Amino acid sequence: MKTILLVDGDSDSRIVYRTILRHHGFDVVEAADGQAGLELARKVVPALVITELTVPKLGGLDLIRQLRALPETHAALLLVLTAIALESERIRAEAAGCTKFLTKPIEPQVLLQEVRLLLS
């Protein structure tokens, strides 16, 4: 089973996305801030990291950059799932190393489809 790390400062968002992903057979671990997400990623080495850009302590872009720089996580797939629907943020996220950029709100089936595509 592939592990997904979910990093989002909003507990309601984490509950919704965790529930959807677990219901469809994914192993999900989560963090409420970027620093905790970075530490957890080093321990569990997830196949996919889903992060909001506006997470506390270590923002999503910095988290992506640091994950790309670490030998154990440099190959992880990095999905930005954010409420910031600006083209400039998508460009910045891709430059930092994100694999895919999606915006909230998102239909559960669309998120599931994107996750399955990334992990296939």
PDB file of N, CA and C in Angstrom:
ATOM      1  N   MET A   1       0.845  -1.187   0.000  1.00  0.00           N
ATOM      2  CA  MET A   1       0.000   0.000   0.000  1.00  0.00           C
ATOM      3  C   MET A   1       0.889   1.249   0.000  1.00  0.00           C
ATOM      4  N   LYS A   2       0.569   2.187  -0.854  1.00  0.00           N
ATOM      5  CA  LYS A   2       1.352   3.416  -0.951  1.00  0.00           C
ATOM      6  C   LYS A   2       0.872   4.422   0.082  1.00  0.00           C
ATOM      7  N   THR A   3       1.834   5.051   0.754  1.00  0.00           N
ATOM      8  CA  THR A   3       1.509   6.023   1.793  1.00  0.00           C
ATOM      9  C   THR A   3       1.402   7.418   1.199  1.00  0.00           C
ATOM     10  N   ILE A   4       0.371   8.133   1.628  1.00  0.00           N
ATOM     11  CA  ILE A   4       0.159   9.526   1.241  1.00  0.00           C
ATOM     12  C   ILE A   4       0.300  10.378   2.493  1.00  0.00           C
ATOM     13  N   LEU A   5       1.097  11.423   2.392  1.00  0.00           N
ATOM     14  CA  LEU A   5       1.227  12.407   3.471  1.00  0.00           C
ATOM     15  C   LEU A   5       0.371  13.604   3.115  1.00  0.00           C
ATOM     16  N   LEU A   6      -0.543  13.942   4.008  1.00  0.00           N
ATOM     17  CA  LEU A   6      -1.464  15.062   3.817  1.00  0.00           C
ATOM     18  C   LEU A   6      -1.051  16.182   4.762  1.00  0.00           C
ATOM     19  N   VAL A   7      -0.677  17.343   4.210  1.00  0.00           N
ATOM     20  CA  VAL A   7      -0.222  18.481   5.016  1.00  0.00           C
ATOM     21  C   VAL A   7      -1.169  19.651   4.779  1.00  0.00           C
ATOM     22  N   ASP A   8      -1.938  19.991   5.814  1.00  0.00           N
ATOM     23  CA  ASP A   8      -2.909  21.079   5.700  1.00  0.00           C
ATOM     24  C   ASP A   8      -3.194  21.613   7.095  1.00  0.00           C
ATOM     25  N   GLY A   9      -3.156  22.916   7.249  1.00  0.00           N
ATOM     26  CA  GLY A   9      -3.417  23.536   8.538  1.00  0.00           C
ATOM     27  C   GLY A   9      -4.876  23.509   8.946  1.00  0.00           C
ATOM     28  N   ASP A  10      -5.762  23.238   8.005  1.00  0.00           N
ATOM     29  CA  ASP A  10      -7.192  23.204   8.287  1.00  0.00           C
ATOM     30  C   ASP A  10      -7.613  21.778   8.627  1.00  0.00           C
ATOM     31  N   SER A  11      -8.001  21.552   9.875  1.00  0.00           N
ATOM     32  CA  SER A  11      -8.337  20.195  10.312  1.00  0.00           C
ATOM     33  C   SER A  11      -9.535  19.625   9.555  1.00  0.00           C
ATOM     34  N   ASP A  12     -10.512  20.464   9.210  1.00  0.00           N
ATOM     35  CA  ASP A  12     -11.669  19.977   8.454  1.00  0.00           C
ATOM     36  C   ASP A  12     -11.240  19.447   7.083  1.00  0.00           C
ATOM     37  N   SER A  13     -10.351  20.156   6.425  1.00  0.00           N
ATOM     38  CA  SER A  13      -9.850  19.690   5.121  1.00  0.00           C
ATOM     39  C   SER A  13      -9.125  18.362   5.274  1.00  0.00           C
ATOM     40  N   ARG A  14      -8.289  18.250   6.300  1.00  0.00           N
ATOM     41  CA  ARG A  14      -7.571  16.990   6.522  1.00  0.00           C
ATOM     42  C   ARG A  14      -8.544  15.837   6.751  1.00  0.00           C
ATOM     43  N   ILE A  15      -9.578  16.071   7.533  1.00  0.00           N
ATOM     44  CA  ILE A  15     -10.566  15.018   7.808  1.00  0.00           C
ATOM     45  C   ILE A  15     -11.243  14.567   6.513  1.00  0.00           C
ATOM     46  N   VAL A  16     -11.693  15.521   5.710  1.00  0.00           N
ATOM     47  CA  VAL A  16     -12.385  15.192   4.456  1.00  0.00           C
ATOM     48  C   VAL A  16     -11.483  14.402   3.520  1.00  0.00           C
ATOM     49  N   TYR A  17     -10.275  14.912   3.261  1.00  0.00           N
ATOM     50  CA  TYR A  17      -9.390  14.258   2.295  1.00  0.00           C
ATOM     51  C   TYR A  17      -8.873  12.925   2.831  1.00  0.00           C
ATOM     52  N   ARG A  18      -8.561  12.859   4.123  1.00  0.00           N
ATOM     53  CA  ARG A  18      -8.116  11.604   4.732  1.00  0.00           C
ATOM     54  C   ARG A  18      -9.207  10.542   4.591  1.00  0.00           C
ATOM     55  N   THR A  19     -10.443  10.918   4.878  1.00  0.00           N
ATOM     56  CA  THR A  19     -11.569   9.976   4.811  1.00  0.00           C
ATOM     57  C   THR A  19     -11.745   9.440   3.394  1.00  0.00           C
ATOM     58  N   ILE A  20     -11.722  10.336   2.418  1.00  0.00           N
ATOM     59  CA  ILE A  20     -11.870   9.923   1.012  1.00  0.00           C
ATOM     60  C   ILE A  20     -10.768   8.947   0.621  1.00  0.00           C
ATOM     61  N   LEU A  21      -9.527   9.316   0.924  1.00  0.00           N
ATOM     62  CA  LEU A  21      -8.395   8.499   0.488  1.00  0.00           C
ATOM     63  C   LEU A  21      -8.347   7.153   1.200  1.00  0.00           C
ATOM     64  N   ARG A  22      -8.585   7.161   2.503  1.00  0.00           N
ATOM     65  CA  ARG A  22      -8.584   5.886   3.243  1.00  0.00           C
ATOM     66  C   ARG A  22      -9.713   4.976   2.781  1.00  0.00           C
ATOM     67  N   HIS A  23     -10.863   5.567   2.508  1.00  0.00           N
ATOM     68  CA  HIS A  23     -12.009   4.790   2.041  1.00  0.00           C
ATOM     69  C   HIS A  23     -11.678   4.040   0.746  1.00  0.00           C
ATOM     70  N   HIS A  24     -10.772   4.595  -0.036  1.00  0.00           N
ATOM     71  CA  HIS A  24     -10.391   3.979  -1.304  1.00  0.00           C
ATOM     72  C   HIS A  24      -9.062   3.234  -1.215  1.00  0.00           C
ATOM     73  N   GLY A  25      -8.668   2.895   0.006  1.00  0.00           N
ATOM     74  CA  GLY A  25      -7.549   1.973   0.193  1.00  0.00           C
ATOM     75  C   GLY A  25      -6.165   2.565   0.361  1.00  0.00           C
ATOM     76  N   PHE A  26      -6.063   3.876   0.490  1.00  0.00           N
ATOM     77  CA  PHE A  26      -4.749   4.474   0.660  1.00  0.00           C
ATOM     78  C   PHE A  26      -4.392   4.590   2.131  1.00  0.00           C
ATOM     79  N   ASP A  27      -3.116   4.439   2.433  1.00  0.00           N
ATOM     80  CA  ASP A  27      -2.599   4.657   3.776  1.00  0.00           C
ATOM     81  C   ASP A  27      -2.293   6.150   3.874  1.00  0.00           C
ATOM     82  N   VAL A  28      -2.915   6.854   4.815  1.00  0.00           N
ATOM     83  CA  VAL A  28      -2.757   8.303   4.921  1.00  0.00           C
ATOM     84  C   VAL A  28      -2.206   8.680   6.287  1.00  0.00           C
ATOM     85  N   VAL A  29      -1.139   9.475   6.275  1.00  0.00           N
ATOM     86  CA  VAL A  29      -0.621  10.106   7.486  1.00  0.00           C
ATOM     87  C   VAL A  29      -0.775  11.600   7.279  1.00  0.00           C
ATOM     88  N   GLU A  30      -0.836  12.356   8.377  1.00  0.00           N
ATOM     89  CA  GLU A  30      -1.113  13.780   8.195  1.00  0.00           C
ATOM     90  C   GLU A  30      -0.357  14.656   9.170  1.00  0.00           C
ATOM     91  N   ALA A  31      -0.207  15.902   8.750  1.00  0.00           N
ATOM     92  CA  ALA A  31       0.459  16.914   9.557  1.00  0.00           C
ATOM     93  C   ALA A  31      -0.295  18.229   9.414  1.00  0.00           C
ATOM     94  N   ALA A  32      -0.327  19.009  10.506  1.00  0.00           N
ATOM     95  CA  ALA A  32      -1.062  20.272  10.529  1.00  0.00           C
ATOM     96  C   ALA A  32      -0.201  21.459  10.126  1.00  0.00           C
ATOM     97  N   ASP A  33       1.110  21.240   9.969  1.00  0.00           N
ATOM     98  CA  ASP A  33       1.986  22.335   9.535  1.00  0.00           C
ATOM     99  C   ASP A  33       3.140  21.775   8.712  1.00  0.00           C
ATOM    100  N   GLY A  34       3.818  22.673   8.014  1.00  0.00           N
ATOM    101  CA  GLY A  34       4.877  22.259   7.108  1.00  0.00           C
ATOM    102  C   GLY A  34       6.070  21.633   7.798  1.00  0.00           C
ATOM    103  N   GLN A  35       6.446  22.139   8.959  1.00  0.00           N
ATOM    104  CA  GLN A  35       7.587  21.577   9.682  1.00  0.00           C
ATOM    105  C   GLN A  35       7.297  20.143  10.112  1.00  0.00           C
ATOM    106  N   ALA A  36       6.108  19.920  10.669  1.00  0.00           N
ATOM    107  CA  ALA A  36       5.714  18.563  11.066  1.00  0.00           C
ATOM    108  C   ALA A  36       5.624  17.658   9.838  1.00  0.00           C
ATOM    109  N   GLY A  37       5.154  18.217   8.729  1.00  0.00           N
ATOM    110  CA  GLY A  37       5.074  17.454   7.489  1.00  0.00           C
ATOM    111  C   GLY A  37       6.446  17.021   7.003  1.00  0.00           C
ATOM    112  N   LEU A  38       7.406  17.916   7.082  1.00  0.00           N
ATOM    113  CA  LEU A  38       8.779  17.601   6.670  1.00  0.00           C
ATOM    114  C   LEU A  38       9.352  16.487   7.538  1.00  0.00           C
ATOM    115  N   GLU A  39       9.173  16.597   8.837  1.00  0.00           N
ATOM    116  CA  GLU A  39       9.686  15.577   9.758  1.00  0.00           C
ATOM    117  C   GLU A  39       9.014  14.225   9.516  1.00  0.00           C
ATOM    118  N   LEU A  40       7.706  14.246   9.303  1.00  0.00           N
ATOM    119  CA  LEU A  40       6.974  13.013   9.049  1.00  0.00           C
ATOM    120  C   LEU A  40       7.395  12.383   7.720  1.00  0.00           C
ATOM    121  N   ALA A  41       7.613  13.213   6.715  1.00  0.00           N
ATOM    122  CA  ALA A  41       8.043  12.712   5.403  1.00  0.00           C
ATOM    123  C   ALA A  41       9.384  11.998   5.507  1.00  0.00           C
ATOM    124  N   ARG A  42      10.276  12.498   6.340  1.00  0.00           N
ATOM    125  CA  ARG A  42      11.579  11.854   6.516  1.00  0.00           C
ATOM    126  C   ARG A  42      11.437  10.483   7.178  1.00  0.00           C
ATOM    127  N   LYS A  43      10.409  10.336   8.023  1.00  0.00           N
ATOM    128  CA  LYS A  43      10.207   9.067   8.730  1.00  0.00           C
ATOM    129  C   LYS A  43       9.491   8.033   7.879  1.00  0.00           C
ATOM    130  N   VAL A  44       8.405   8.446   7.213  1.00  0.00           N
ATOM    131  CA  VAL A  44       7.567   7.470   6.501  1.00  0.00           C
ATOM    132  C   VAL A  44       7.883   7.364   5.010  1.00  0.00           C
ATOM    133  N   VAL A  45       8.619   8.326   4.453  1.00  0.00           N
ATOM    134  CA  VAL A  45       8.957   8.383   3.029  1.00  0.00           C
ATOM    135  C   VAL A  45       7.728   8.050   2.168  1.00  0.00           C
ATOM    136  N   PRO A  46       6.788   8.988   2.099  1.00  0.00           N
ATOM    137  CA  PRO A  46       5.547   8.749   1.354  1.00  0.00           C
ATOM    138  C   PRO A  46       5.766   8.713  -0.156  1.00  0.00           C
ATOM    139  N   ALA A  47       4.870   8.004  -0.831  1.00  0.00           N
ATOM    140  CA  ALA A  47       4.896   7.984  -2.294  1.00  0.00           C
ATOM    141  C   ALA A  47       4.363   9.301  -2.846  1.00  0.00           C
ATOM    142  N   LEU A  48       3.436   9.913  -2.085  1.00  0.00           N
ATOM    143  CA  LEU A  48       2.795  11.154  -2.510  1.00  0.00           C
ATOM    144  C   LEU A  48       2.615  12.077  -1.310  1.00  0.00           C
ATOM    145  N   VAL A  49       2.940  13.353  -1.499  1.00  0.00           N
ATOM    146  CA  VAL A  49       2.672  14.375  -0.497  1.00  0.00           C
ATOM    147  C   VAL A  49       1.632  15.319  -1.087  1.00  0.00           C
ATOM    148  N   ILE A  50       0.545  15.521  -0.352  1.00  0.00           N
ATOM    149  CA  ILE A  50      -0.475  16.492  -0.747  1.00  0.00           C
ATOM    150  C   ILE A  50      -0.364  17.642   0.245  1.00  0.00           C
ATOM    151  N   THR A  51      -0.079  18.846  -0.244  1.00  0.00           N
ATOM    152  CA  THR A  51       0.081  19.976   0.660  1.00  0.00           C
ATOM    153  C   THR A  51      -0.701  21.200   0.200  1.00  0.00           C
ATOM    154  N   GLU A  52      -1.192  21.922   1.174  1.00  0.00           N
ATOM    155  CA  GLU A  52      -1.772  23.251   0.962  1.00  0.00           C
ATOM    156  C   GLU A  52      -0.584  24.209   0.890  1.00  0.00           C
ATOM    157  N   LEU A  53      -0.710  25.304   0.175  1.00  0.00           N
ATOM    158  CA  LEU A  53       0.375  26.290   0.126  1.00  0.00           C
ATOM    159  C   LEU A  53       0.467  27.085   1.421  1.00  0.00           C
ATOM    160  N   THR A  54      -0.668  27.320   2.063  1.00  0.00           N
ATOM    161  CA  THR A  54      -0.712  28.202   3.225  1.00  0.00           C
ATOM    162  C   THR A  54      -0.685  27.425   4.542  1.00  0.00           C
ATOM    163  N   VAL A  55       0.267  26.521   4.684  1.00  0.00           N
ATOM    164  CA  VAL A  55       0.396  25.794   5.948  1.00  0.00           C
ATOM    165  C   VAL A  55       1.297  26.572   6.899  1.00  0.00           C
ATOM    166  N   PRO A  56       1.029  26.493   8.212  1.00  0.00           N
ATOM    167  CA  PRO A  56       1.850  27.210   9.185  1.00  0.00           C
ATOM    168  C   PRO A  56       3.255  26.622   9.317  1.00  0.00           C
ATOM    169  N   LYS A  57       4.124  27.410   9.935  1.00  0.00           N
ATOM    170  CA  LYS A  57       5.501  27.064  10.335  1.00  0.00           C
ATOM    171  C   LYS A  57       6.493  26.894   9.200  1.00  0.00           C
ATOM    172  N   LEU A  58       6.093  26.240   8.134  1.00  0.00           N
ATOM    173  CA  LEU A  58       6.928  26.087   6.946  1.00  0.00           C
ATOM    174  C   LEU A  58       5.944  26.034   5.792  1.00  0.00           C
ATOM    175  N   GLY A  59       5.876  27.093   5.008  1.00  0.00           N
ATOM    176  CA  GLY A  59       4.887  27.174   3.939  1.00  0.00           C
ATOM    177  C   GLY A  59       5.024  26.061   2.925  1.00  0.00           C
ATOM    178  N   GLY A  60       3.974  25.869   2.152  1.00  0.00           N
ATOM    179  CA  GLY A  60       3.945  24.793   1.169  1.00  0.00           C
ATOM    180  C   GLY A  60       5.072  24.833   0.154  1.00  0.00           C
ATOM    181  N   LEU A  61       5.424  26.031  -0.326  1.00  0.00           N
ATOM    182  CA  LEU A  61       6.515  26.127  -1.302  1.00  0.00           C
ATOM    183  C   LEU A  61       7.847  25.743  -0.674  1.00  0.00           C
ATOM    184  N   ASP A  62       8.086  26.194   0.553  1.00  0.00           N
ATOM    185  CA  ASP A  62       9.330  25.821   1.240  1.00  0.00           C
ATOM    186  C   ASP A  62       9.361  24.329   1.552  1.00  0.00           C
ATOM    187  N   LEU A  63       8.212  23.785   1.905  1.00  0.00           N
ATOM    188  CA  LEU A  63       8.124  22.342   2.153  1.00  0.00           C
ATOM    189  C   LEU A  63       8.496  21.573   0.890  1.00  0.00           C
ATOM    190  N   ILE A  64       7.939  21.983  -0.247  1.00  0.00           N
ATOM    191  CA  ILE A  64       8.251  21.320  -1.520  1.00  0.00           C
ATOM    192  C   ILE A  64       9.750  21.400  -1.813  1.00  0.00           C
ATOM    193  N   ARG A  65      10.319  22.578  -1.666  1.00  0.00           N
ATOM    194  CA  ARG A  65      11.759  22.744  -1.937  1.00  0.00           C
ATOM    195  C   ARG A  65      12.598  21.835  -1.039  1.00  0.00           C
ATOM    196  N   GLN A  66      12.250  21.778   0.245  1.00  0.00           N
ATOM    197  CA  GLN A  66      13.024  20.958   1.173  1.00  0.00           C
ATOM    198  C   GLN A  66      12.848  19.471   0.891  1.00  0.00           C
ATOM    199  N   LEU A  67      11.636  19.062   0.535  1.00  0.00           N
ATOM    200  CA  LEU A  67      11.421  17.653   0.180  1.00  0.00           C
ATOM    201  C   LEU A  67      12.223  17.274  -1.055  1.00  0.00           C
ATOM    202  N   ARG A  68      12.282  18.165  -2.028  1.00  0.00           N
ATOM    203  CA  ARG A  68      13.064  17.909  -3.248  1.00  0.00           C
ATOM    204  C   ARG A  68      14.568  17.834  -2.948  1.00  0.00           C
ATOM    205  N   ALA A  69      15.014  18.538  -1.913  1.00  0.00           N
ATOM    206  CA  ALA A  69      16.439  18.585  -1.592  1.00  0.00           C
ATOM    207  C   ALA A  69      16.910  17.375  -0.773  1.00  0.00           C
ATOM    208  N   LEU A  70      16.001  16.683  -0.120  1.00  0.00           N
ATOM    209  CA  LEU A  70      16.377  15.546   0.720  1.00  0.00           C
ATOM    210  C   LEU A  70      16.509  14.271  -0.108  1.00  0.00           C
ATOM    211  N   PRO A  71      17.584  13.516   0.108  1.00  0.00           N
ATOM    212  CA  PRO A  71      17.769  12.280  -0.664  1.00  0.00           C
ATOM    213  C   PRO A  71      16.602  11.301  -0.519  1.00  0.00           C
ATOM    214  N   GLU A  72      16.039  11.195   0.686  1.00  0.00           N
ATOM    215  CA  GLU A  72      14.988  10.208   0.917  1.00  0.00           C
ATOM    216  C   GLU A  72      13.634  10.603   0.334  1.00  0.00           C
ATOM    217  N   THR A  73      13.425  11.882   0.065  1.00  0.00           N
ATOM    218  CA  THR A  73      12.116  12.330  -0.440  1.00  0.00           C
ATOM    219  C   THR A  73      12.193  13.033  -1.799  1.00  0.00           C
ATOM    220  N   HIS A  74      13.365  13.124  -2.379  1.00  0.00           N
ATOM    221  CA  HIS A  74      13.486  13.894  -3.634  1.00  0.00           C
ATOM    222  C   HIS A  74      12.643  13.327  -4.766  1.00  0.00           C
ATOM    223  N   ALA A  75      12.344  12.025  -4.724  1.00  0.00           N
ATOM    224  CA  ALA A  75      11.578  11.405  -5.809  1.00  0.00           C
ATOM    225  C   ALA A  75      10.080  11.335  -5.510  1.00  0.00           C
ATOM    226  N   ALA A  76       9.659  11.805  -4.342  1.00  0.00           N
ATOM    227  CA  ALA A  76       8.238  11.741  -3.982  1.00  0.00           C
ATOM    228  C   ALA A  76       7.418  12.598  -4.940  1.00  0.00           C
ATOM    229  N   LEU A  77       6.198  12.165  -5.197  1.00  0.00           N
ATOM    230  CA  LEU A  77       5.266  12.966  -5.971  1.00  0.00           C
ATOM    231  C   LEU A  77       4.691  14.035  -5.050  1.00  0.00           C
ATOM    232  N   LEU A  78       4.612  15.267  -5.530  1.00  0.00           N
ATOM    233  CA  LEU A  78       4.166  16.383  -4.702  1.00  0.00           C
ATOM    234  C   LEU A  78       2.966  17.062  -5.353  1.00  0.00           C
ATOM    235  N   LEU A  79       1.832  16.934  -4.694  1.00  0.00           N
ATOM    236  CA  LEU A  79       0.580  17.498  -5.188  1.00  0.00           C
ATOM    237  C   LEU A  79       0.199  18.694  -4.323  1.00  0.00           C
ATOM    238  N   VAL A  80       0.085  19.854  -4.938  1.00  0.00           N
ATOM    239  CA  VAL A  80      -0.415  21.035  -4.231  1.00  0.00           C
ATOM    240  C   VAL A  80      -1.930  21.049  -4.388  1.00  0.00           C
ATOM    241  N   LEU A  81      -2.615  21.121  -3.249  1.00  0.00           N
ATOM    242  CA  LEU A  81      -4.075  21.229  -3.226  1.00  0.00           C
ATOM    243  C   LEU A  81      -4.386  22.454  -2.382  1.00  0.00           C
ATOM    244  N   THR A  82      -4.707  23.563  -3.050  1.00  0.00           N
ATOM    245  CA  THR A  82      -4.757  24.849  -2.364  1.00  0.00           C
ATOM    246  C   THR A  82      -6.007  25.654  -2.693  1.00  0.00           C
ATOM    247  N   ALA A  83      -6.327  26.546  -1.795  1.00  0.00           N
ATOM    248  CA  ALA A  83      -7.431  27.478  -2.012  1.00  0.00           C
ATOM    249  C   ALA A  83      -6.972  28.693  -2.821  1.00  0.00           C
ATOM    250  N   ILE A  84      -5.679  28.802  -3.071  1.00  0.00           N
ATOM    251  CA  ILE A  84      -5.131  29.932  -3.826  1.00  0.00           C
ATOM    252  C   ILE A  84      -5.156  29.591  -5.318  1.00  0.00           C
ATOM    253  N   ALA A  85      -6.144  30.099  -6.014  1.00  0.00           N
ATOM    254  CA  ALA A  85      -6.358  29.749  -7.417  1.00  0.00           C
ATOM    255  C   ALA A  85      -5.724  30.772  -8.362  1.00  0.00           C
ATOM    256  N   LEU A  86      -4.492  31.130  -8.097  1.00  0.00           N
ATOM    257  CA  LEU A  86      -3.795  32.102  -8.944  1.00  0.00           C
ATOM    258  C   LEU A  86      -2.780  31.400  -9.845  1.00  0.00           C
ATOM    259  N   GLU A  87      -2.763  31.796 -11.102  1.00  0.00           N
ATOM    260  CA  GLU A  87      -1.806  31.234 -12.049  1.00  0.00           C
ATOM    261  C   GLU A  87      -0.362  31.468 -11.573  1.00  0.00           C
ATOM    262  N   SER A  88      -0.101  32.629 -10.983  1.00  0.00           N
ATOM    263  CA  SER A  88       1.248  32.930 -10.490  1.00  0.00           C
ATOM    264  C   SER A  88       1.680  31.943  -9.403  1.00  0.00           C
ATOM    265  N   GLU A  89       0.734  31.498  -8.576  1.00  0.00           N
ATOM    266  CA  GLU A  89       1.074  30.517  -7.537  1.00  0.00           C
ATOM    267  C   GLU A  89       1.326  29.144  -8.139  1.00  0.00           C
ATOM    268  N   ARG A  90       0.565  28.789  -9.163  1.00  0.00           N
ATOM    269  CA  ARG A  90       0.818  27.514  -9.847  1.00  0.00           C
ATOM    270  C   ARG A  90       2.216  27.507 -10.439  1.00  0.00           C
ATOM    271  N   ILE A  91       2.600  28.614 -11.064  1.00  0.00           N
ATOM    272  CA  ILE A  91       3.933  28.721 -11.672  1.00  0.00           C
ATOM    273  C   ILE A  91       5.016  28.617 -10.599  1.00  0.00           C
ATOM    274  N   ARG A  92       4.819  29.299  -9.475  1.00  0.00           N
ATOM    275  CA  ARG A  92       5.791  29.236  -8.368  1.00  0.00           C
ATOM    276  C   ARG A  92       5.896  27.827  -7.798  1.00  0.00           C
ATOM    277  N   ALA A  93       4.747  27.148  -7.657  1.00  0.00           N
ATOM    278  CA  ALA A  93       4.739  25.788  -7.114  1.00  0.00           C
ATOM    279  C   ALA A  93       5.452  24.817  -8.051  1.00  0.00           C
ATOM    280  N   GLU A  94       5.199  24.959  -9.338  1.00  0.00           N
ATOM    281  CA  GLU A  94       5.869  24.091 -10.305  1.00  0.00           C
ATOM    282  C   GLU A  94       7.371  24.360 -10.339  1.00  0.00           C
ATOM    283  N   ALA A  95       7.754  25.630 -10.220  1.00  0.00           N
ATOM    284  CA  ALA A  95       9.177  25.973 -10.181  1.00  0.00           C
ATOM    285  C   ALA A  95       9.846  25.391  -8.928  1.00  0.00           C
ATOM    286  N   ALA A  96       9.099  25.303  -7.842  1.00  0.00           N
ATOM    287  CA  ALA A  96       9.634  24.738  -6.595  1.00  0.00           C
ATOM    288  C   ALA A  96       9.762  23.221  -6.686  1.00  0.00           C
ATOM    289  N   GLY A  97       9.006  22.612  -7.603  1.00  0.00           N
ATOM    290  CA  GLY A  97       9.129  21.173  -7.793  1.00  0.00           C
ATOM    291  C   GLY A  97       7.860  20.366  -7.613  1.00  0.00           C
ATOM    292  N   CYS A  98       6.700  21.029  -7.563  1.00  0.00           N
ATOM    293  CA  CYS A  98       5.463  20.251  -7.402  1.00  0.00           C
ATOM    294  C   CYS A  98       5.164  19.484  -8.689  1.00  0.00           C
ATOM    295  N   THR A  99       4.545  18.329  -8.521  1.00  0.00           N
ATOM    296  CA  THR A  99       4.205  17.454  -9.632  1.00  0.00           C
ATOM    297  C   THR A  99       2.880  17.860 -10.264  1.00  0.00           C
ATOM    298  N   LYS A 100       1.934  18.267  -9.414  1.00  0.00           N
ATOM    299  CA  LYS A 100       0.583  18.607  -9.877  1.00  0.00           C
ATOM    300  C   LYS A 100       0.023  19.706  -8.995  1.00  0.00           C
ATOM    301  N   PHE A 101      -0.761  20.607  -9.578  1.00  0.00           N
ATOM    302  CA  PHE A 101      -1.348  21.740  -8.856  1.00  0.00           C
ATOM    303  C   PHE A 101      -2.856  21.706  -9.042  1.00  0.00           C
ATOM    304  N   LEU A 102      -3.594  21.568  -7.940  1.00  0.00           N
ATOM    305  CA  LEU A 102      -5.053  21.558  -7.974  1.00  0.00           C
ATOM    306  C   LEU A 102      -5.588  22.599  -6.998  1.00  0.00           C
ATOM    307  N   THR A 103      -6.791  23.078  -7.268  1.00  0.00           N
ATOM    308  CA  THR A 103      -7.369  24.086  -6.382  1.00  0.00           C
ATOM    309  C   THR A 103      -8.615  23.564  -5.678  1.00  0.00           C
ATOM    310  N   LYS A 104      -8.819  24.091  -4.485  1.00  0.00           N
ATOM    311  CA  LYS A 104     -10.019  23.815  -3.685  1.00  0.00           C
ATOM    312  C   LYS A 104     -11.068  24.849  -4.051  1.00  0.00           C
ATOM    313  N   PRO A 105     -12.330  24.528  -3.901  1.00  0.00           N
ATOM    314  CA  PRO A 105     -12.841  23.206  -3.541  1.00  0.00           C
ATOM    315  C   PRO A 105     -12.688  22.237  -4.705  1.00  0.00           C
ATOM    316  N   ILE A 106     -12.594  20.974  -4.360  1.00  0.00           N
ATOM    317  CA  ILE A 106     -12.424  19.939  -5.384  1.00  0.00           C
ATOM    318  C   ILE A 106     -13.402  18.809  -5.095  1.00  0.00           C
ATOM    319  N   GLU A 107     -13.991  18.281  -6.129  1.00  0.00           N
ATOM    320  CA  GLU A 107     -14.898  17.144  -5.979  1.00  0.00           C
ATOM    321  C   GLU A 107     -14.077  15.929  -5.533  1.00  0.00           C
ATOM    322  N   PRO A 108     -14.584  15.152  -4.606  1.00  0.00           N
ATOM    323  CA  PRO A 108     -13.852  13.970  -4.132  1.00  0.00           C
ATOM    324  C   PRO A 108     -13.405  13.038  -5.260  1.00  0.00           C
ATOM    325  N   GLN A 109     -14.282  12.826  -6.251  1.00  0.00           N
ATOM    326  CA  GLN A 109     -13.929  11.926  -7.358  1.00  0.00           C
ATOM    327  C   GLN A 109     -12.777  12.478  -8.193  1.00  0.00           C
ATOM    328  N   VAL A 110     -12.712  13.801  -8.331  1.00  0.00           N
ATOM    329  CA  VAL A 110     -11.629  14.415  -9.098  1.00  0.00           C
ATOM    330  C   VAL A 110     -10.305  14.237  -8.343  1.00  0.00           C
ATOM    331  N   LEU A 111     -10.321  14.484  -7.047  1.00  0.00           N
ATOM    332  CA  LEU A 111      -9.103  14.279  -6.250  1.00  0.00           C
ATOM    333  C   LEU A 111      -8.654  12.829  -6.344  1.00  0.00           C
ATOM    334  N   LEU A 112      -9.572  11.915  -6.174  1.00  0.00           N
ATOM    335  CA  LEU A 112      -9.257  10.492  -6.234  1.00  0.00           C
ATOM    336  C   LEU A 112      -8.675  10.107  -7.591  1.00  0.00           C
ATOM    337  N   GLN A 113      -9.268  10.627  -8.652  1.00  0.00           N
ATOM    338  CA  GLN A 113      -8.775  10.346 -10.003  1.00  0.00           C
ATOM    339  C   GLN A 113      -7.337  10.863 -10.170  1.00  0.00           C
ATOM    340  N   GLU A 114      -7.071  12.084  -9.703  1.00  0.00           N
ATOM    341  CA  GLU A 114      -5.728  12.660  -9.819  1.00  0.00           C
ATOM    342  C   GLU A 114      -4.708  11.865  -9.009  1.00  0.00           C
ATOM    343  N   VAL A 115      -5.083  11.473  -7.799  1.00  0.00           N
ATOM    344  CA  VAL A 115      -4.179  10.683  -6.957  1.00  0.00           C
ATOM    345  C   VAL A 115      -3.871   9.340  -7.616  1.00  0.00           C
ATOM    346  N   ARG A 116      -4.901   8.686  -8.133  1.00  0.00           N
ATOM    347  CA  ARG A 116      -4.683   7.394  -8.793  1.00  0.00           C
ATOM    348  C   ARG A 116      -3.789   7.534 -10.020  1.00  0.00           C
ATOM    349  N   LEU A 117      -3.998   8.608 -10.794  1.00  0.00           N
ATOM    350  CA  LEU A 117      -3.148   8.855 -11.967  1.00  0.00           C
ATOM    351  C   LEU A 117      -1.695   9.060 -11.562  1.00  0.00           C
ATOM    352  N   LEU A 118      -1.485   9.864 -10.537  1.00  0.00           N
ATOM    353  CA  LEU A 118      -0.122  10.126 -10.080  1.00  0.00           C
ATOM    354  C   LEU A 118       0.570   8.865  -9.595  1.00  0.00           C
ATOM    355  N   LEU A 119      -0.150   8.034  -8.873  1.00  0.00           N
ATOM    356  CA  LEU A 119       0.447   6.854  -8.257  1.00  0.00           C
ATOM    357  C   LEU A 119       0.480   5.633  -9.163  1.00  0.00           C
ATOM    358  N   SER A 120      -0.105   5.743 -10.369  1.00  0.00           N
ATOM    359  CA  SER A 120      -0.132   4.568 -11.260  1.00  0.00           C
ATOM    360  C   SER A 120       1.198   4.360 -11.970  1.00  0.00           C
TER     361      SER A 120
END
